[in-house]
PDB file of all heavy atoms in Angstrom:
ATOM      1  N   VAL A   1     -67.166 -82.755  52.551  1.00  0.00           N
ATOM      2  CA  VAL A   1     -66.206 -83.635  51.889  1.00  0.00           C
ATOM      3  C   VAL A   1     -64.833 -82.985  51.934  1.00  0.00           C
ATOM      4  O   VAL A   1     -64.720 -81.761  52.046  1.00  0.00           O
ATOM      5  CB  VAL A   1     -66.659 -83.914  50.432  1.00  0.00           C
ATOM      6  CG1 VAL A   1     -66.653 -82.639  49.611  1.00  0.00           C
ATOM      7  CG2 VAL A   1     -65.805 -84.989  49.770  1.00  0.00           C
ATOM      8  N   ARG A   2     -63.775 -83.805  51.858  1.00  0.00           N
ATOM      9  CA  ARG A   2     -62.422 -83.251  51.903  1.00  0.00           C
ATOM     10  C   ARG A   2     -61.586 -83.841  50.785  1.00  0.00           C
ATOM     11  O   ARG A   2     -61.883 -84.910  50.228  1.00  0.00           O
ATOM     12  CB  ARG A   2     -61.772 -83.499  53.266  1.00  0.00           C
ATOM     13  CG  ARG A   2     -61.615 -84.916  53.741  1.00  0.00           C
ATOM     14  CD  ARG A   2     -60.313 -85.607  53.297  1.00  0.00           C
ATOM     15  NE  ARG A   2     -59.100 -84.904  53.606  1.00  0.00           N
ATOM     16  CZ  ARG A   2     -58.408 -85.049  54.727  1.00  0.00           C
ATOM     17  NH1 ARG A   2     -58.835 -85.911  55.648  1.00  0.00           N
ATOM     18  NH2 ARG A   2     -57.298 -84.391  54.925  1.00  0.00           N
ATOM     19  N   THR A   3     -60.526 -83.114  50.435  1.00  0.00           N
ATOM     20  CA  THR A   3     -59.507 -83.618  49.536  1.00  0.00           C
ATOM     21  C   THR A   3     -58.231 -83.842  50.334  1.00  0.00           C
ATOM     22  O   THR A   3     -58.135 -83.466  51.505  1.00  0.00           O
ATOM     23  CB  THR A   3     -59.230 -82.637  48.381  1.00  0.00           C
ATOM     24  OG1 THR A   3     -58.613 -81.449  48.906  1.00  0.00           O
ATOM     25  CG2 THR A   3     -60.514 -82.267  47.655  1.00  0.00           C
ATOM     26  N   PHE A   4     -57.242 -84.437  49.684  1.00  0.00           N
ATOM     27  CA  PHE A   4     -56.010 -84.805  50.366  1.00  0.00           C
ATOM     28  C   PHE A   4     -54.821 -84.091  49.737  1.00  0.00           C
ATOM     29  O   PHE A   4     -54.823 -83.760  48.548  1.00  0.00           O
ATOM     30  CB  PHE A   4     -55.803 -86.319  50.317  1.00  0.00           C
ATOM     31  CG  PHE A   4     -56.819 -87.085  51.114  1.00  0.00           C
ATOM     32  CD1 PHE A   4     -58.039 -87.427  50.559  1.00  0.00           C
ATOM     33  CD2 PHE A   4     -56.562 -87.442  52.425  1.00  0.00           C
ATOM     34  CE1 PHE A   4     -58.989 -88.119  51.297  1.00  0.00           C
ATOM     35  CE2 PHE A   4     -57.494 -88.133  53.174  1.00  0.00           C
ATOM     36  CZ  PHE A   4     -58.714 -88.475  52.611  1.00  0.00           C
ATOM     37  N   GLN A   5     -53.803 -83.890  50.550  1.00  0.00           N
ATOM     38  CA  GLN A   5     -52.590 -83.220  50.087  1.00  0.00           C
ATOM     39  C   GLN A   5     -51.958 -83.985  48.932  1.00  0.00           C
ATOM     40  O   GLN A   5     -51.529 -83.403  47.937  1.00  0.00           O
ATOM     41  CB  GLN A   5     -51.591 -83.097  51.244  1.00  0.00           C
ATOM     42  CG  GLN A   5     -50.300 -82.397  50.881  1.00  0.00           C
ATOM     43  CD  GLN A   5     -49.361 -82.305  52.073  1.00  0.00           C
ATOM     44  OE1 GLN A   5     -49.721 -82.607  53.203  1.00  0.00           O
ATOM     45  NE2 GLN A   5     -48.145 -81.889  51.821  1.00  0.00           N
ATOM     46  N   ILE A   6     -51.896 -85.304  49.059  1.00  0.00           N
ATOM     47  CA  ILE A   6     -51.435 -86.160  47.960  1.00  0.00           C
ATOM     48  C   ILE A   6     -52.678 -86.694  47.268  1.00  0.00           C
ATOM     49  O   ILE A   6     -53.490 -87.392  47.874  1.00  0.00           O
ATOM     50  CB  ILE A   6     -50.561 -87.316  48.478  1.00  0.00           C
ATOM     51  CG1 ILE A   6     -49.313 -86.747  49.175  1.00  0.00           C
ATOM     52  CG2 ILE A   6     -50.165 -88.240  47.334  1.00  0.00           C
ATOM     53  CD1 ILE A   6     -48.452 -87.793  49.831  1.00  0.00           C
ATOM     54  N   ALA A   7     -52.840 -86.351  45.991  1.00  0.00           N
ATOM     55  CA  ALA A   7     -54.053 -86.694  45.264  1.00  0.00           C
ATOM     56  C   ALA A   7     -54.277 -88.198  45.280  1.00  0.00           C
ATOM     57  O   ALA A   7     -53.366 -88.986  45.028  1.00  0.00           O
ATOM     58  CB  ALA A   7     -53.967 -86.188  43.829  1.00  0.00           C
ATOM     59  N   ARG A   8     -55.523 -88.587  45.582  1.00  0.00           N
ATOM     60  CA  ARG A   8     -55.891 -89.990  45.640  1.00  0.00           C
ATOM     61  C   ARG A   8     -56.765 -90.341  44.446  1.00  0.00           C
ATOM     62  O   ARG A   8     -56.998 -89.536  43.558  1.00  0.00           O
ATOM     63  CB  ARG A   8     -56.608 -90.291  46.958  1.00  0.00           C
ATOM     64  CG  ARG A   8     -55.746 -90.012  48.168  1.00  0.00           C
ATOM     65  CD  ARG A   8     -56.376 -90.508  49.445  1.00  0.00           C
ATOM     66  NE  ARG A   8     -55.476 -90.333  50.582  1.00  0.00           N
ATOM     67  CZ  ARG A   8     -55.685 -90.847  51.776  1.00  0.00           C
ATOM     68  NH1 ARG A   8     -56.764 -91.576  52.011  1.00  0.00           N
ATOM     69  NH2 ARG A   8     -54.825 -90.658  52.755  1.00  0.00           N
ATOM     70  N   GLY A   9     -57.270 -91.567  44.447  1.00  0.00           N
ATOM     71  CA  GLY A   9     -58.101 -92.004  43.344  1.00  0.00           C
ATOM     72  C   GLY A   9     -57.627 -93.349  42.826  1.00  0.00           C
ATOM     73  O   GLY A   9     -56.833 -94.045  43.464  1.00  0.00           O
ATOM     74  N   PHE A  10     -58.106 -93.706  41.657  1.00  0.00           N
ATOM     75  CA  PHE A  10     -57.780 -94.993  41.052  1.00  0.00           C
ATOM     76  C   PHE A  10     -56.924 -94.728  39.822  1.00  0.00           C
ATOM     77  O   PHE A  10     -57.431 -94.296  38.783  1.00  0.00           O
ATOM     78  CB  PHE A  10     -59.065 -95.734  40.688  1.00  0.00           C
ATOM     79  CG  PHE A  10     -59.920 -96.046  41.892  1.00  0.00           C
ATOM     80  CD1 PHE A  10     -60.871 -95.128  42.346  1.00  0.00           C
ATOM     81  CD2 PHE A  10     -59.753 -97.237  42.589  1.00  0.00           C
ATOM     82  CE1 PHE A  10     -61.647 -95.405  43.456  1.00  0.00           C
ATOM     83  CE2 PHE A  10     -60.526 -97.521  43.704  1.00  0.00           C
ATOM     84  CZ  PHE A  10     -61.479 -96.608  44.138  1.00  0.00           C
ATOM     85  N   PRO A  11     -55.618 -94.966  39.919  1.00  0.00           N
ATOM     86  CA  PRO A  11     -54.705 -94.521  38.859  1.00  0.00           C
ATOM     87  C   PRO A  11     -54.951 -95.150  37.495  1.00  0.00           C
ATOM     88  O   PRO A  11     -54.670 -94.528  36.472  1.00  0.00           O
ATOM     89  CB  PRO A  11     -53.318 -94.908  39.404  1.00  0.00           C
ATOM     90  CG  PRO A  11     -53.564 -95.936  40.457  1.00  0.00           C
ATOM     91  CD  PRO A  11     -54.900 -95.601  41.040  1.00  0.00           C
ATOM     92  N   ARG A  12     -55.490 -96.368  37.449  1.00  0.00           N
ATOM     93  CA  ARG A  12     -55.694 -97.021  36.152  1.00  0.00           C
ATOM     94  C   ARG A  12     -57.023 -96.656  35.511  1.00  0.00           C
ATOM     95  O   ARG A  12     -57.235 -96.940  34.326  1.00  0.00           O
ATOM     96  CB  ARG A  12     -55.597 -98.536  36.312  1.00  0.00           C
ATOM     97  CG  ARG A  12     -54.207 -99.007  36.722  1.00  0.00           C
ATOM     98  CD  ARG A  12     -54.112-100.515  36.714  1.00  0.00           C
ATOM     99  NE  ARG A  12     -52.792-100.982  37.117  1.00  0.00           N
ATOM    100  CZ  ARG A  12     -52.430-102.259  37.171  1.00  0.00           C
ATOM    101  NH1 ARG A  12     -53.302-103.200  36.843  1.00  0.00           N
ATOM    102  NH2 ARG A  12     -51.215-102.587  37.543  1.00  0.00           N
ATOM    103  N   LEU A  13     -57.928 -96.063  36.287  1.00  0.00           N
ATOM    104  CA  LEU A  13     -59.195 -95.632  35.723  1.00  0.00           C
ATOM    105  C   LEU A  13     -59.033 -94.269  35.056  1.00  0.00           C
ATOM    106  O   LEU A  13     -58.155 -93.479  35.409  1.00  0.00           O
ATOM    107  CB  LEU A  13     -60.259 -95.547  36.808  1.00  0.00           C
ATOM    108  CG  LEU A  13     -60.640 -96.858  37.504  1.00  0.00           C
ATOM    109  CD1 LEU A  13     -61.789 -96.611  38.482  1.00  0.00           C
ATOM    110  CD2 LEU A  13     -61.017 -97.943  36.506  1.00  0.00           C
ATOM    111  N   SER A  14     -59.898 -93.999  34.098  1.00  0.00           N
ATOM    112  CA  SER A  14     -59.839 -92.715  33.404  1.00  0.00           C
ATOM    113  C   SER A  14     -60.337 -91.587  34.310  1.00  0.00           C
ATOM    114  O   SER A  14     -60.934 -91.825  35.373  1.00  0.00           O
ATOM    115  CB  SER A  14     -60.697 -92.769  32.139  1.00  0.00           C
ATOM    116  OG  SER A  14     -62.073 -92.806  32.479  1.00  0.00           O
ATOM    117  N   VAL A  15     -60.110 -90.385  33.853  1.00  0.00           N
ATOM    118  CA  VAL A  15     -60.601 -89.217  34.583  1.00  0.00           C
ATOM    119  C   VAL A  15     -62.119 -89.301  34.755  1.00  0.00           C
ATOM    120  O   VAL A  15     -62.648 -89.103  35.862  1.00  0.00           O
ATOM    121  CB  VAL A  15     -60.195 -87.928  33.849  1.00  0.00           C
ATOM    122  CG1 VAL A  15     -60.934 -86.715  34.409  1.00  0.00           C
ATOM    123  CG2 VAL A  15     -58.688 -87.718  33.937  1.00  0.00           C
ATOM    124  N   LEU A  16     -62.837 -89.612  33.674  1.00  0.00           N
ATOM    125  CA  LEU A  16     -64.301 -89.703  33.758  1.00  0.00           C
ATOM    126  C   LEU A  16     -64.728 -90.807  34.704  1.00  0.00           C
ATOM    127  O   LEU A  16     -65.677 -90.635  35.484  1.00  0.00           O
ATOM    128  CB  LEU A  16     -64.901 -89.943  32.370  1.00  0.00           C
ATOM    129  CG  LEU A  16     -65.008 -88.741  31.444  1.00  0.00           C
ATOM    130  CD1 LEU A  16     -65.675 -89.145  30.137  1.00  0.00           C
ATOM    131  CD2 LEU A  16     -65.758 -87.596  32.087  1.00  0.00           C
ATOM    132  N   GLU A  17     -64.064 -91.950  34.661  1.00  0.00           N
ATOM    133  CA  GLU A  17     -64.432 -93.050  35.551  1.00  0.00           C
ATOM    134  C   GLU A  17     -64.192 -92.678  37.006  1.00  0.00           C
ATOM    135  O   GLU A  17     -65.007 -93.016  37.888  1.00  0.00           O
ATOM    136  CB  GLU A  17     -63.647 -94.305  35.171  1.00  0.00           C
ATOM    137  CG  GLU A  17     -64.092 -94.927  33.853  1.00  0.00           C
ATOM    138  CD  GLU A  17     -63.125 -95.968  33.329  1.00  0.00           C
ATOM    139  OE1 GLU A  17     -61.926 -95.917  33.701  1.00  0.00           O
ATOM    140  OE2 GLU A  17     -63.553 -96.813  32.530  1.00  0.00           O
ATOM    141  N   ASN A  18     -63.087 -91.986  37.283  1.00  0.00           N
ATOM    142  CA  ASN A  18     -62.832 -91.533  38.647  1.00  0.00           C
ATOM    143  C   ASN A  18     -63.929 -90.588  39.115  1.00  0.00           C
ATOM    144  O   ASN A  18     -64.406 -90.681  40.251  1.00  0.00           O
ATOM    145  CB  ASN A  18     -61.473 -90.834  38.727  1.00  0.00           C
ATOM    146  CG  ASN A  18     -60.347 -91.772  39.101  1.00  0.00           C
ATOM    147  OD1 ASN A  18     -60.152 -92.068  40.272  1.00  0.00           O
ATOM    148  ND2 ASN A  18     -59.614 -92.250  38.100  1.00  0.00           N
ATOM    149  N   LEU A  19     -64.346 -89.675  38.261  1.00  0.00           N
ATOM    150  CA  LEU A  19     -65.401 -88.740  38.631  1.00  0.00           C
ATOM    151  C   LEU A  19     -66.719 -89.462  38.878  1.00  0.00           C
ATOM    152  O   LEU A  19     -67.419 -89.200  39.858  1.00  0.00           O
ATOM    153  CB  LEU A  19     -65.572 -87.685  37.542  1.00  0.00           C
ATOM    154  CG  LEU A  19     -64.420 -86.681  37.382  1.00  0.00           C
ATOM    155  CD1 LEU A  19     -64.635 -85.819  36.142  1.00  0.00           C
ATOM    156  CD2 LEU A  19     -64.274 -85.808  38.616  1.00  0.00           C
ATOM    157  N   MET A  20     -67.058 -90.386  38.007  1.00  0.00           N
ATOM    158  CA  MET A  20     -68.326 -91.100  38.142  1.00  0.00           C
ATOM    159  C   MET A  20     -68.407 -91.885  39.444  1.00  0.00           C
ATOM    160  O   MET A  20     -69.464 -91.983  40.063  1.00  0.00           O
ATOM    161  CB  MET A  20     -68.524 -92.041  36.956  1.00  0.00           C
ATOM    162  CG  MET A  20     -68.808 -91.338  35.641  1.00  0.00           C
ATOM    163  SD  MET A  20     -68.966 -92.503  34.272  1.00  0.00           S
ATOM    164  CE  MET A  20     -70.482 -93.368  34.732  1.00  0.00           C
ATOM    165  N   LEU A  21     -67.282 -92.430  39.883  1.00  0.00           N
ATOM    166  CA  LEU A  21     -67.272 -93.237  41.103  1.00  0.00           C
ATOM    167  C   LEU A  21     -67.670 -92.433  42.338  1.00  0.00           C
ATOM    168  O   LEU A  21     -68.121 -93.007  43.331  1.00  0.00           O
ATOM    169  CB  LEU A  21     -65.891 -93.855  41.317  1.00  0.00           C
ATOM    170  CG  LEU A  21     -65.567 -95.091  40.487  1.00  0.00           C
ATOM    171  CD1 LEU A  21     -64.125 -95.495  40.690  1.00  0.00           C
ATOM    172  CD2 LEU A  21     -66.496 -96.241  40.849  1.00  0.00           C
ATOM    173  N   TYR A  22     -67.482 -91.112  42.291  1.00  0.00           N
ATOM    174  CA  TYR A  22     -67.773 -90.285  43.459  1.00  0.00           C
ATOM    175  C   TYR A  22     -69.187 -89.725  43.441  1.00  0.00           C
ATOM    176  O   TYR A  22     -69.586 -89.032  44.374  1.00  0.00           O
ATOM    177  CB  TYR A  22     -66.744 -89.153  43.572  1.00  0.00           C
ATOM    178  CG  TYR A  22     -65.451 -89.605  44.195  1.00  0.00           C
ATOM    179  CD1 TYR A  22     -64.570 -90.415  43.494  1.00  0.00           C
ATOM    180  CD2 TYR A  22     -65.119 -89.251  45.496  1.00  0.00           C
ATOM    181  CE1 TYR A  22     -63.383 -90.855  44.062  1.00  0.00           C
ATOM    182  CE2 TYR A  22     -63.938 -89.682  46.072  1.00  0.00           C
ATOM    183  CZ  TYR A  22     -63.077 -90.486  45.349  1.00  0.00           C
ATOM    184  OH  TYR A  22     -61.912 -90.927  45.913  1.00  0.00           O
ATOM    185  N   GLY A  23     -69.953 -90.009  42.420  1.00  0.00           N
ATOM    186  CA  GLY A  23     -71.327 -89.541  42.379  1.00  0.00           C
ATOM    187  C   GLY A  23     -72.192 -90.272  43.394  1.00  0.00           C
ATOM    188  O   GLY A  23     -71.948 -91.425  43.752  1.00  0.00           O
ATOM    189  N   ALA A  24     -73.227 -89.588  43.874  1.00  0.00           N
ATOM    190  CA  ALA A  24     -74.140 -90.194  44.848  1.00  0.00           C
ATOM    191  C   ALA A  24     -75.043 -91.218  44.172  1.00  0.00           C
ATOM    192  O   ALA A  24     -75.199 -91.232  42.955  1.00  0.00           O
ATOM    193  CB  ALA A  24     -74.979 -89.098  45.503  1.00  0.00           C
ATOM    194  N   ARG A  25     -75.633 -92.104  44.992  1.00  0.00           N
ATOM    195  CA  ARG A  25     -76.617 -93.095  44.552  1.00  0.00           C
ATOM    196  C   ARG A  25     -76.069 -93.939  43.406  1.00  0.00           C
ATOM    197  O   ARG A  25     -76.610 -93.984  42.308  1.00  0.00           O
ATOM    198  CB  ARG A  25     -77.931 -92.424  44.152  1.00  0.00           C
ATOM    199  CG  ARG A  25     -78.525 -91.559  45.246  1.00  0.00           C
ATOM    200  CD  ARG A  25     -79.918 -91.078  44.904  1.00  0.00           C
ATOM    201  NE  ARG A  25     -80.012 -90.478  43.579  1.00  0.00           N
ATOM    202  CZ  ARG A  25     -79.653 -89.245  43.294  1.00  0.00           C
ATOM    203  NH1 ARG A  25     -79.136 -88.467  44.242  1.00  0.00           N
ATOM    204  NH2 ARG A  25     -79.796 -88.765  42.081  1.00  0.00           N
ATOM    205  N   GLN A  26     -74.980 -94.643  43.686  1.00  0.00           N
ATOM    206  CA  GLN A  26     -74.341 -95.491  42.694  1.00  0.00           C
ATOM    207  C   GLN A  26     -75.136 -96.791  42.520  1.00  0.00           C
ATOM    208  O   GLN A  26     -75.213 -97.593  43.448  1.00  0.00           O
ATOM    209  CB  GLN A  26     -72.906 -95.826  43.130  1.00  0.00           C
ATOM    210  CG  GLN A  26     -71.955 -94.666  43.116  1.00  0.00           C
ATOM    211  CD  GLN A  26     -71.449 -94.365  41.712  1.00  0.00           C
ATOM    212  OE1 GLN A  26     -71.693 -95.112  40.783  1.00  0.00           O
ATOM    213  NE2 GLN A  26     -70.739 -93.259  41.576  1.00  0.00           N
ATOM    214  N   PRO A  27     -75.688 -97.066  41.360  1.00  0.00           N
ATOM    215  CA  PRO A  27     -76.422 -98.322  41.186  1.00  0.00           C
ATOM    216  C   PRO A  27     -75.524 -99.546  41.267  1.00  0.00           C
ATOM    217  O   PRO A  27     -75.965-100.622  41.670  1.00  0.00           O
ATOM    218  CB  PRO A  27     -77.047 -98.177  39.789  1.00  0.00           C
ATOM    219  CG  PRO A  27     -76.217 -97.157  39.094  1.00  0.00           C
ATOM    220  CD  PRO A  27     -75.757 -96.214  40.170  1.00  0.00           C
ATOM    221  N   GLY A  28     -74.260 -99.408  40.910  1.00  0.00           N
ATOM    222  CA  GLY A  28     -73.342-100.542  40.951  1.00  0.00           C
ATOM    223  C   GLY A  28     -72.964-100.984  42.345  1.00  0.00           C
ATOM    224  O   GLY A  28     -72.312-102.013  42.515  1.00  0.00           O
ATOM    225  N   GLU A  29     -73.365-100.212  43.387  1.00  0.00           N
ATOM    226  CA  GLU A  29     -73.068-100.617  44.755  1.00  0.00           C
ATOM    227  C   GLU A  29     -73.946-101.787  45.194  1.00  0.00           C
ATOM    228  O   GLU A  29     -73.678-102.422  46.215  1.00  0.00           O
ATOM    229  CB  GLU A  29     -73.259 -99.424  45.698  1.00  0.00           C
ATOM    230  CG  GLU A  29     -72.201 -98.337  45.481  1.00  0.00           C
ATOM    231  CD  GLU A  29     -72.438 -97.113  46.330  1.00  0.00           C
ATOM    232  OE1 GLU A  29     -73.493 -97.058  46.994  1.00  0.00           O
ATOM    233  OE2 GLU A  29     -71.583 -96.206  46.322  1.00  0.00           O
ATOM    234  N   SER A  30     -75.000-102.063  44.445  1.00  0.00           N
ATOM    235  CA  SER A  30     -75.837-103.231  44.695  1.00  0.00           C
ATOM    236  C   SER A  30     -75.391-104.356  43.767  1.00  0.00           C
ATOM    237  O   SER A  30     -75.387-104.188  42.542  1.00  0.00           O
ATOM    238  CB  SER A  30     -77.312-102.890  44.446  1.00  0.00           C
ATOM    239  OG  SER A  30     -78.091-104.054  44.371  1.00  0.00           O
ATOM    240  N   LEU A  31     -75.000-105.507  44.323  1.00  0.00           N
ATOM    241  CA  LEU A  31     -74.477-106.604  43.504  1.00  0.00           C
ATOM    242  C   LEU A  31     -75.470-107.059  42.443  1.00  0.00           C
ATOM    243  O   LEU A  31     -75.086-107.221  41.271  1.00  0.00           O
ATOM    244  CB  LEU A  31     -74.055-107.777  44.399  1.00  0.00           C
ATOM    245  CG  LEU A  31     -73.445-108.990  43.673  1.00  0.00           C
ATOM    246  CD1 LEU A  31     -72.213-108.569  42.881  1.00  0.00           C
ATOM    247  CD2 LEU A  31     -73.089-110.085  44.685  1.00  0.00           C
ATOM    248  N   PRO A  32     -76.750-107.262  42.769  1.00  0.00           N
ATOM    249  CA  PRO A  32     -77.691-107.687  41.717  1.00  0.00           C
ATOM    250  C   PRO A  32     -77.782-106.685  40.573  1.00  0.00           C
ATOM    251  O   PRO A  32     -77.820-107.071  39.399  1.00  0.00           O
ATOM    252  CB  PRO A  32     -79.019-107.817  42.470  1.00  0.00           C
ATOM    253  CG  PRO A  32     -78.639-108.067  43.884  1.00  0.00           C
ATOM    254  CD  PRO A  32     -77.397-107.264  44.096  1.00  0.00           C
ATOM    255  N   LEU A  33     -77.800-105.372  40.923  1.00  0.00           N
ATOM    256  CA  LEU A  33     -77.894-104.359  39.872  1.00  0.00           C
ATOM    257  C   LEU A  33     -76.604-104.252  39.068  1.00  0.00           C
ATOM    258  O   LEU A  33     -76.631-103.878  37.893  1.00  0.00           O
ATOM    259  CB  LEU A  33     -78.255-103.001  40.474  1.00  0.00           C
ATOM    260  CG  LEU A  33     -79.686-102.854  40.987  1.00  0.00           C
ATOM    261  CD1 LEU A  33     -79.893-101.475  41.590  1.00  0.00           C
ATOM    262  CD2 LEU A  33     -80.691-103.085  39.863  1.00  0.00           C
ATOM    263  N   ALA A  34     -75.476-104.545  39.717  1.00  0.00           N
ATOM    264  CA  ALA A  34     -74.211-104.529  38.991  1.00  0.00           C
ATOM    265  C   ALA A  34     -74.162-105.641  37.949  1.00  0.00           C
ATOM    266  O   ALA A  34     -73.583-105.477  36.876  1.00  0.00           O
ATOM    267  CB  ALA A  34     -73.050-104.668  39.973  1.00  0.00           C
ATOM    268  N   ILE A  35     -74.774-106.788  38.266  1.00  0.00           N
ATOM    269  CA  ILE A  35     -74.776-107.924  37.341  1.00  0.00           C
ATOM    270  C   ILE A  35     -75.861-107.767  36.277  1.00  0.00           C
ATOM    271  O   ILE A  35     -75.624-107.952  35.079  1.00  0.00           O
ATOM    272  CB  ILE A  35     -74.968-109.237  38.125  1.00  0.00           C
ATOM    273  CG1 ILE A  35     -73.789-109.438  39.088  1.00  0.00           C
ATOM    274  CG2 ILE A  35     -75.082-110.423  37.170  1.00  0.00           C
ATOM    275  CD1 ILE A  35     -73.977-110.611  40.017  1.00  0.00           C
ATOM    276  N   LEU A  36     -77.066-107.419  36.727  1.00  0.00           N
ATOM    277  CA  LEU A  36     -78.206-107.255  35.822  1.00  0.00           C
ATOM    278  C   LEU A  36     -78.831-105.885  36.069  1.00  0.00           C
ATOM    279  O   LEU A  36     -79.805-105.755  36.814  1.00  0.00           O
ATOM    280  CB  LEU A  36     -79.242-108.361  36.045  1.00  0.00           C
ATOM    281  CG  LEU A  36     -78.801-109.789  35.686  1.00  0.00           C
ATOM    282  CD1 LEU A  36     -79.838-110.791  36.158  1.00  0.00           C
ATOM    283  CD2 LEU A  36     -78.568-109.908  34.183  1.00  0.00           C
ATOM    284  N   PRO A  37     -78.263-104.833  35.487  1.00  0.00           N
ATOM    285  CA  PRO A  37     -78.759-103.479  35.775  1.00  0.00           C
ATOM    286  C   PRO A  37     -80.189-103.279  35.271  1.00  0.00           C
ATOM    287  O   PRO A  37     -80.548-103.703  34.173  1.00  0.00           O
ATOM    288  CB  PRO A  37     -77.778-102.582  35.036  1.00  0.00           C
ATOM    289  CG  PRO A  37     -77.191-103.445  33.969  1.00  0.00           C
ATOM    290  CD  PRO A  37     -77.142-104.816  34.544  1.00  0.00           C
ATOM    291  N   SER A  38     -80.989-102.634  36.091  1.00  0.00           N
ATOM    292  CA  SER A  38     -82.351-102.300  35.713  1.00  0.00           C
ATOM    293  C   SER A  38     -82.351-101.059  34.827  1.00  0.00           C
ATOM    294  O   SER A  38     -81.324-100.396  34.633  1.00  0.00           O
ATOM    295  CB  SER A  38     -83.181-102.028  36.967  1.00  0.00           C
ATOM    296  OG  SER A  38     -82.687-100.862  37.629  1.00  0.00           O
ATOM    297  N   ARG A  39     -83.532-100.729  34.312  1.00  0.00           N
ATOM    298  CA  ARG A  39     -83.645 -99.515  33.500  1.00  0.00           C
ATOM    299  C   ARG A  39     -83.282 -98.291  34.336  1.00  0.00           C
ATOM    300  O   ARG A  39     -82.592 -97.381  33.848  1.00  0.00           O
ATOM    301  CB  ARG A  39     -85.066 -99.385  32.960  1.00  0.00           C
ATOM    302  CG  ARG A  39     -85.280 -98.135  32.109  1.00  0.00           C
ATOM    303  CD  ARG A  39     -86.705 -98.073  31.586  1.00  0.00           C
ATOM    304  NE  ARG A  39     -87.002 -99.220  30.733  1.00  0.00           N
ATOM    305  CZ  ARG A  39     -88.189 -99.434  30.162  1.00  0.00           C
ATOM    306  NH1 ARG A  39     -89.182 -98.572  30.382  1.00  0.00           N
ATOM    307  NH2 ARG A  39     -88.388-100.487  29.404  1.00  0.00           N
ATOM    308  N   ALA A  40     -83.725 -98.261  35.594  1.00  0.00           N
ATOM    309  CA  ALA A  40     -83.407 -97.133  36.468  1.00  0.00           C
ATOM    310  C   ALA A  40     -81.903 -97.048  36.726  1.00  0.00           C
ATOM    311  O   ALA A  40     -81.335 -95.954  36.777  1.00  0.00           O
ATOM    312  CB  ALA A  40     -84.158 -97.258  37.787  1.00  0.00           C
ATOM    313  N   ALA A  41     -81.255 -98.215  36.893  1.00  0.00           N
ATOM    314  CA  ALA A  41     -79.811 -98.213  37.132  1.00  0.00           C
ATOM    315  C   ALA A  41     -79.064 -97.698  35.904  1.00  0.00           C
ATOM    316  O   ALA A  41     -78.107 -96.916  36.034  1.00  0.00           O
ATOM    317  CB  ALA A  41     -79.338 -99.616  37.487  1.00  0.00           C
ATOM    318  N   ARG A  42     -79.488 -98.104  34.732  1.00  0.00           N
ATOM    319  CA  ARG A  42     -78.838 -97.620  33.507  1.00  0.00           C
ATOM    320  C   ARG A  42     -79.054 -96.114  33.338  1.00  0.00           C
ATOM    321  O   ARG A  42     -78.148 -95.392  32.894  1.00  0.00           O
ATOM    322  CB  ARG A  42     -79.362 -98.385  32.294  1.00  0.00           C
ATOM    323  CG  ARG A  42     -78.898 -99.834  32.229  1.00  0.00           C
ATOM    324  CD  ARG A  42     -79.178-100.444  30.869  1.00  0.00           C
ATOM    325  NE  ARG A  42     -80.611-100.514  30.596  1.00  0.00           N
ATOM    326  CZ  ARG A  42     -81.380-101.548  30.905  1.00  0.00           C
ATOM    327  NH1 ARG A  42     -80.845-102.602  31.509  1.00  0.00           N
ATOM    328  NH2 ARG A  42     -82.668-101.555  30.601  1.00  0.00           N
ATOM    329  N   ALA A  43     -80.250 -95.652  33.716  1.00  0.00           N
ATOM    330  CA  ALA A  43     -80.516 -94.218  33.623  1.00  0.00           C
ATOM    331  C   ALA A  43     -79.637 -93.430  34.582  1.00  0.00           C
ATOM    332  O   ALA A  43     -79.133 -92.345  34.241  1.00  0.00           O
ATOM    333  CB  ALA A  43     -81.994 -93.945  33.916  1.00  0.00           C
ATOM    334  N   ARG A  44     -79.432 -93.974  35.790  1.00  0.00           N
ATOM    335  CA  ARG A  44     -78.577 -93.301  36.755  1.00  0.00           C
ATOM    336  C   ARG A  44     -77.129 -93.277  36.279  1.00  0.00           C
ATOM    337  O   ARG A  44     -76.439 -92.260  36.437  1.00  0.00           O
ATOM    338  CB  ARG A  44     -78.673 -93.991  38.129  1.00  0.00           C
ATOM    339  CG  ARG A  44     -77.798 -93.361  39.215  1.00  0.00           C
ATOM    340  CD  ARG A  44     -78.106 -91.898  39.400  1.00  0.00           C
ATOM    341  NE  ARG A  44     -77.242 -91.286  40.403  1.00  0.00           N
ATOM    342  CZ  ARG A  44     -77.005 -89.982  40.479  1.00  0.00           C
ATOM    343  NH1 ARG A  44     -77.568 -89.142  39.633  1.00  0.00           N
ATOM    344  NH2 ARG A  44     -76.221 -89.512  41.420  1.00  0.00           N
ATOM    345  N   GLU A  45     -76.653 -94.354  35.684  1.00  0.00           N
ATOM    346  CA  GLU A  45     -75.298 -94.375  35.126  1.00  0.00           C
ATOM    347  C   GLU A  45     -75.149 -93.298  34.057  1.00  0.00           C
ATOM    348  O   GLU A  45     -74.123 -92.620  33.977  1.00  0.00           O
ATOM    349  CB  GLU A  45     -75.002 -95.752  34.529  1.00  0.00           C
ATOM    350  CG  GLU A  45     -74.799 -96.851  35.557  1.00  0.00           C
ATOM    351  CD  GLU A  45     -73.453 -96.776  36.256  1.00  0.00           C
ATOM    352  OE1 GLU A  45     -72.587 -96.009  35.792  1.00  0.00           O
ATOM    353  OE2 GLU A  45     -73.271 -97.473  37.270  1.00  0.00           O
TER     354      GLU A  45
END
């Protein structure tokens, strides 16, 4: 993985939200799970 000379990210999201977005195996990447998260998806969050 690499970082950039000019820091990137989502400026309106919090520090924690920015960090969470970069974690592996994001349950929210699946549209059905984003709408109706399963128990496993909530546990991963």
